[in-house]
Amino acid sequence: MAKISLDTLLTRAEEQFTSGKYENALRTYGLLLKEYPTDSDAQIGVFLCDIGMESADEAQALFDYYQIIKTEQDDATAVMVDLLSTLDVSQGQVAELLSNTVDKAEYKDGIGYQDFLKFIDERGDFKRAFEDVMFSTRVILKNKDEYILFITELIEKGQTELATQFLDSLSNSFANDQEIYALYHKLKEQKQENQQQ
């Protein structure tokens, strides 16, 4: 029997996954692993399907993140394996932060910016803490000042693509605001600096 095309199976599995058909995608990823046991996309896909059966939003966010970093980083598989292995621990830490918040009703769907900063300090690594928070909850920005501080932090920590997405998504809300223009300028400088390295 001829081997089934890797690309065909992978495309099918990804389509099933993005449609929320996690059990079907899991079977397709399983077929992929049977034919191509070392395929990293199939290995990550199996983990994401398992997560998807419990939390579709989380699984889709992780899947989207993986698709992005695959094109940007050579070690995307290692990054995902590390992220998936720390996800449970991170969710517990975020839950603890939420339970310690005085105004927890206000943050039932996320954590406040100040708690986010505290979480980063506790983790000691901005990028890792940011990834952990983004895939287990959301950061609630109460006002323009927090929004500007958040974008500034993203830029300073080298997360230029995310900073661009956040700025673009809400730039209409702030129209001709000079502080927003300043963030775009800072972002442009950071991107140029990154290209020179």
Protein backbone atom coordinates (compact mmCIF):
# COMPACT_ATOMS: atom_id res chain seq x y z
CA MET A 1 0.00 0.00 0.00
CA ALA A 2 1.37 3.44 -0.94
CA LYS A 3 2.13 5.97 1.73
CA ILE A 4 -0.47 8.66 2.16
CA SER A 5 0.80 12.13 1.32
CA LEU A 6 2.09 14.00 4.36
CA ASP A 7 0.78 17.31 3.04
CA THR A 8 -2.66 15.87 2.25
CA LEU A 9 -3.09 14.40 5.72
CA LEU A 10 -1.70 17.47 7.44
CA THR A 11 -4.04 19.77 5.49
CA ARG A 12 -7.00 17.54 6.35
CA ALA A 13 -6.08 17.42 10.04
CA GLU A 14 -5.63 21.19 10.22
CA GLU A 15 -8.97 21.81 8.49
CA GLN A 16 -10.70 19.44 10.92
CA PHE A 17 -8.97 21.14 13.83
CA THR A 18 -9.88 24.68 12.78
CA SER A 19 -13.49 23.52 12.27
CA GLY A 20 -13.57 22.32 15.88
CA LYS A 21 -13.74 18.63 14.92
CA TYR A 22 -11.05 17.66 17.41
CA GLU A 23 -11.78 13.92 17.51
CA ASN A 24 -11.61 13.69 13.71
CA ALA A 25 -8.43 15.77 13.67
CA LEU A 26 -6.94 13.54 16.36
CA ARG A 27 -7.59 10.46 14.21
CA THR A 28 -6.03 12.16 11.19
CA TYR A 29 -3.00 13.26 13.19
CA GLY A 30 -2.80 9.65 14.42
CA LEU A 31 -2.71 8.40 10.81
CA LEU A 32 0.00 10.94 10.12
CA LEU A 33 2.07 9.71 13.04
CA LYS A 34 1.62 6.10 11.91
CA GLU A 35 3.04 6.94 8.49
CA TYR A 36 5.44 9.69 9.62
CA PRO A 37 6.26 9.06 13.31
CA THR A 38 8.67 11.98 13.65
CA ASP A 39 6.49 14.68 12.08
CA SER A 40 6.48 17.55 14.56
CA ASP A 41 3.25 19.11 13.21
CA ALA A 42 1.39 15.88 13.87
CA GLN A 43 2.89 15.55 17.34
CA ILE A 44 1.87 19.10 18.28
CA GLY A 45 -1.52 18.52 16.62
CA VAL A 46 -2.24 15.56 18.91
CA PHE A 47 -1.58 17.68 22.01
CA LEU A 48 -3.72 20.52 20.68
CA CYS A 49 -6.61 18.16 19.87
CA ASP A 50 -6.52 16.89 23.43
CA ILE A 51 -6.70 20.47 24.71
CA GLY A 52 -9.44 21.26 22.18
CA MET A 53 -11.71 18.57 23.60
CA GLU A 54 -11.62 20.45 26.91
CA SER A 55 -11.23 24.07 25.81
CA ALA A 56 -11.82 24.97 22.18
CA ASP A 57 -10.80 28.62 22.55
CA GLU A 58 -7.52 27.75 24.23
CA ALA A 59 -6.71 25.11 21.63
CA GLN A 60 -7.49 27.44 18.73
CA ALA A 61 -5.33 30.18 20.26
CA LEU A 62 -2.44 27.75 20.70
CA PHE A 63 -2.91 26.45 17.16
CA ASP A 64 -2.85 30.00 15.75
CA TYR A 65 0.24 30.80 17.79
CA TYR A 66 1.98 27.67 16.50
CA GLN A 67 1.14 28.57 12.90
CA ILE A 68 2.70 32.00 13.42
CA ILE A 69 5.90 30.86 15.12
CA LYS A 70 6.44 28.06 12.58
CA THR A 71 7.14 30.72 9.98
CA GLU A 72 9.21 32.91 12.29
CA GLN A 73 11.32 30.54 14.40
CA ASP A 74 13.46 27.53 13.64
CA ASP A 75 12.73 26.02 17.06
CA ALA A 76 8.93 26.39 16.88
CA THR A 77 8.36 22.77 17.91
CA ALA A 78 10.56 23.12 20.99
CA VAL A 79 8.82 26.37 21.90
CA MET A 80 5.41 24.69 21.65
CA VAL A 81 6.47 21.61 23.62
CA ASP A 82 7.82 23.89 26.35
CA LEU A 83 4.68 26.02 26.28
CA LEU A 84 2.37 23.00 26.44
CA SER A 85 4.32 21.49 29.31
CA THR A 86 4.10 24.70 31.36
CA LEU A 87 0.48 25.45 30.48
CA ASP A 88 -1.06 23.56 33.39
CA VAL A 89 1.34 25.12 35.88
CA SER A 90 0.67 28.57 34.45
CA GLN A 91 -3.09 28.19 34.67
CA GLY A 92 -2.71 27.36 38.33
CA GLN A 93 -0.56 30.43 38.91
CA VAL A 94 -3.00 32.69 37.08
CA ALA A 95 -5.90 31.20 39.05
CA GLU A 96 -4.01 31.96 42.27
CA LEU A 97 -3.49 35.55 41.15
CA LEU A 98 -7.18 35.86 40.39
CA SER A 99 -8.21 34.43 43.75
CA ASN A 100 -6.01 36.97 45.54
CA THR A 101 -7.49 39.95 43.72
CA VAL A 102 -9.74 42.15 45.83
CA ASP A 103 -12.04 43.07 42.97
CA LYS A 104 -12.15 39.59 41.52
CA ALA A 105 -15.69 39.96 40.15
CA GLU A 106 -14.37 42.67 37.85
CA TYR A 107 -11.67 40.30 36.57
CA LYS A 108 -13.59 37.05 36.31
CA ASP A 109 -12.73 36.83 32.61
CA GLY A 110 -9.10 37.91 32.96
CA ILE A 111 -6.51 39.64 35.08
CA GLY A 112 -5.85 43.33 35.49
CA TYR A 113 -2.77 44.98 34.06
CA GLN A 114 -1.14 45.43 37.49
CA ASP A 115 -1.64 41.72 38.24
CA PHE A 116 -0.16 40.94 34.84
CA LEU A 117 2.95 42.96 35.73
CA LYS A 118 3.18 41.16 39.07
CA PHE A 119 2.94 37.81 37.27
CA ILE A 120 5.80 38.84 34.95
CA ASP A 121 7.93 39.79 37.96
CA GLU A 122 7.22 36.43 39.59
CA ARG A 123 8.07 34.51 36.41
CA GLY A 124 11.17 36.58 35.74
CA ASP A 125 10.84 36.20 31.97
CA PHE A 126 8.54 38.56 30.09
CA LYS A 127 8.13 36.48 26.95
CA ARG A 128 7.33 33.27 28.78
CA ALA A 129 4.99 34.96 31.27
CA PHE A 130 3.22 36.78 28.46
CA GLU A 131 2.70 33.56 26.49
CA ASP A 132 1.44 31.75 29.59
CA VAL A 133 -1.07 34.49 30.42
CA MET A 134 -2.28 34.94 26.84
CA PHE A 135 -3.14 31.26 26.50
CA SER A 136 -4.78 30.80 29.87
CA THR A 137 -6.66 34.06 30.38
CA ARG A 138 -6.63 37.63 29.10
CA VAL A 139 -5.24 40.89 30.34
CA ILE A 140 -7.87 43.51 31.09
CA LEU A 141 -6.74 47.04 30.33
CA LYS A 142 -9.00 49.51 32.12
CA ASN A 143 -7.94 52.73 30.45
CA LYS A 144 -5.78 54.37 27.81
CA ASP A 145 -2.83 54.73 30.19
CA GLU A 146 -2.70 50.98 30.85
CA TYR A 147 -3.11 50.33 27.13
CA ILE A 148 -0.12 52.58 26.35
CA LEU A 149 1.99 51.00 29.11
CA PHE A 150 1.11 47.52 27.84
CA ILE A 151 2.04 48.33 24.22
CA THR A 152 5.25 50.03 25.41
CA GLU A 153 6.17 46.90 27.39
CA LEU A 154 5.55 44.71 24.33
CA ILE A 155 7.77 46.93 22.18
CA GLU A 156 10.55 47.09 24.75
CA LYS A 157 10.52 43.31 25.15
CA GLY A 158 10.83 42.79 21.39
CA GLN A 159 7.26 41.62 20.79
CA THR A 160 6.89 43.95 17.79
CA GLU A 161 4.38 41.87 15.83
CA LEU A 162 2.01 41.64 18.79
CA ALA A 163 2.48 45.33 19.54
CA THR A 164 1.58 46.12 15.92
CA GLN A 165 -1.55 43.97 16.12
CA PHE A 166 -2.70 45.61 19.36
CA LEU A 167 -2.00 49.10 18.05
CA ASP A 168 -3.74 48.49 14.74
CA SER A 169 -6.77 46.89 16.37
CA LEU A 170 -7.50 49.89 18.58
CA SER A 171 -5.97 52.82 16.73
CA ASN A 172 -9.41 53.93 15.52
CA SER A 173 -10.55 54.26 19.12
CA PHE A 174 -7.84 56.81 19.81
CA ALA A 175 -8.00 58.58 16.42
CA ASN A 176 -5.34 61.30 16.25
CA ASP A 177 -3.88 60.78 19.70
CA GLN A 178 -0.23 61.86 19.89
CA GLU A 179 0.68 59.16 22.42
CA ILE A 180 -0.53 56.50 19.97
CA TYR A 181 1.52 58.08 17.19
CA ALA A 182 4.51 58.03 19.54
CA LEU A 183 3.99 54.29 20.07
CA TYR A 184 3.96 53.71 16.31
CA HIS A 185 7.20 55.69 16.06
CA LYS A 186 8.77 53.68 18.91
CA LEU A 187 7.60 50.48 17.24
CA LYS A 188 9.16 51.51 13.93
CA GLU A 189 12.48 52.24 15.68
CA GLN A 190 12.40 48.87 17.46
CA LYS A 191 11.72 47.02 14.20
CA GLN A 192 14.63 48.81 12.53
CA GLU A 193 16.86 47.96 15.48
CA ASN A 194 15.79 44.30 15.30
CA GLN A 195 16.60 44.18 11.57
CA GLN A 196 20.08 45.55 12.20
CA GLN A 197 20.88 42.80 14.72
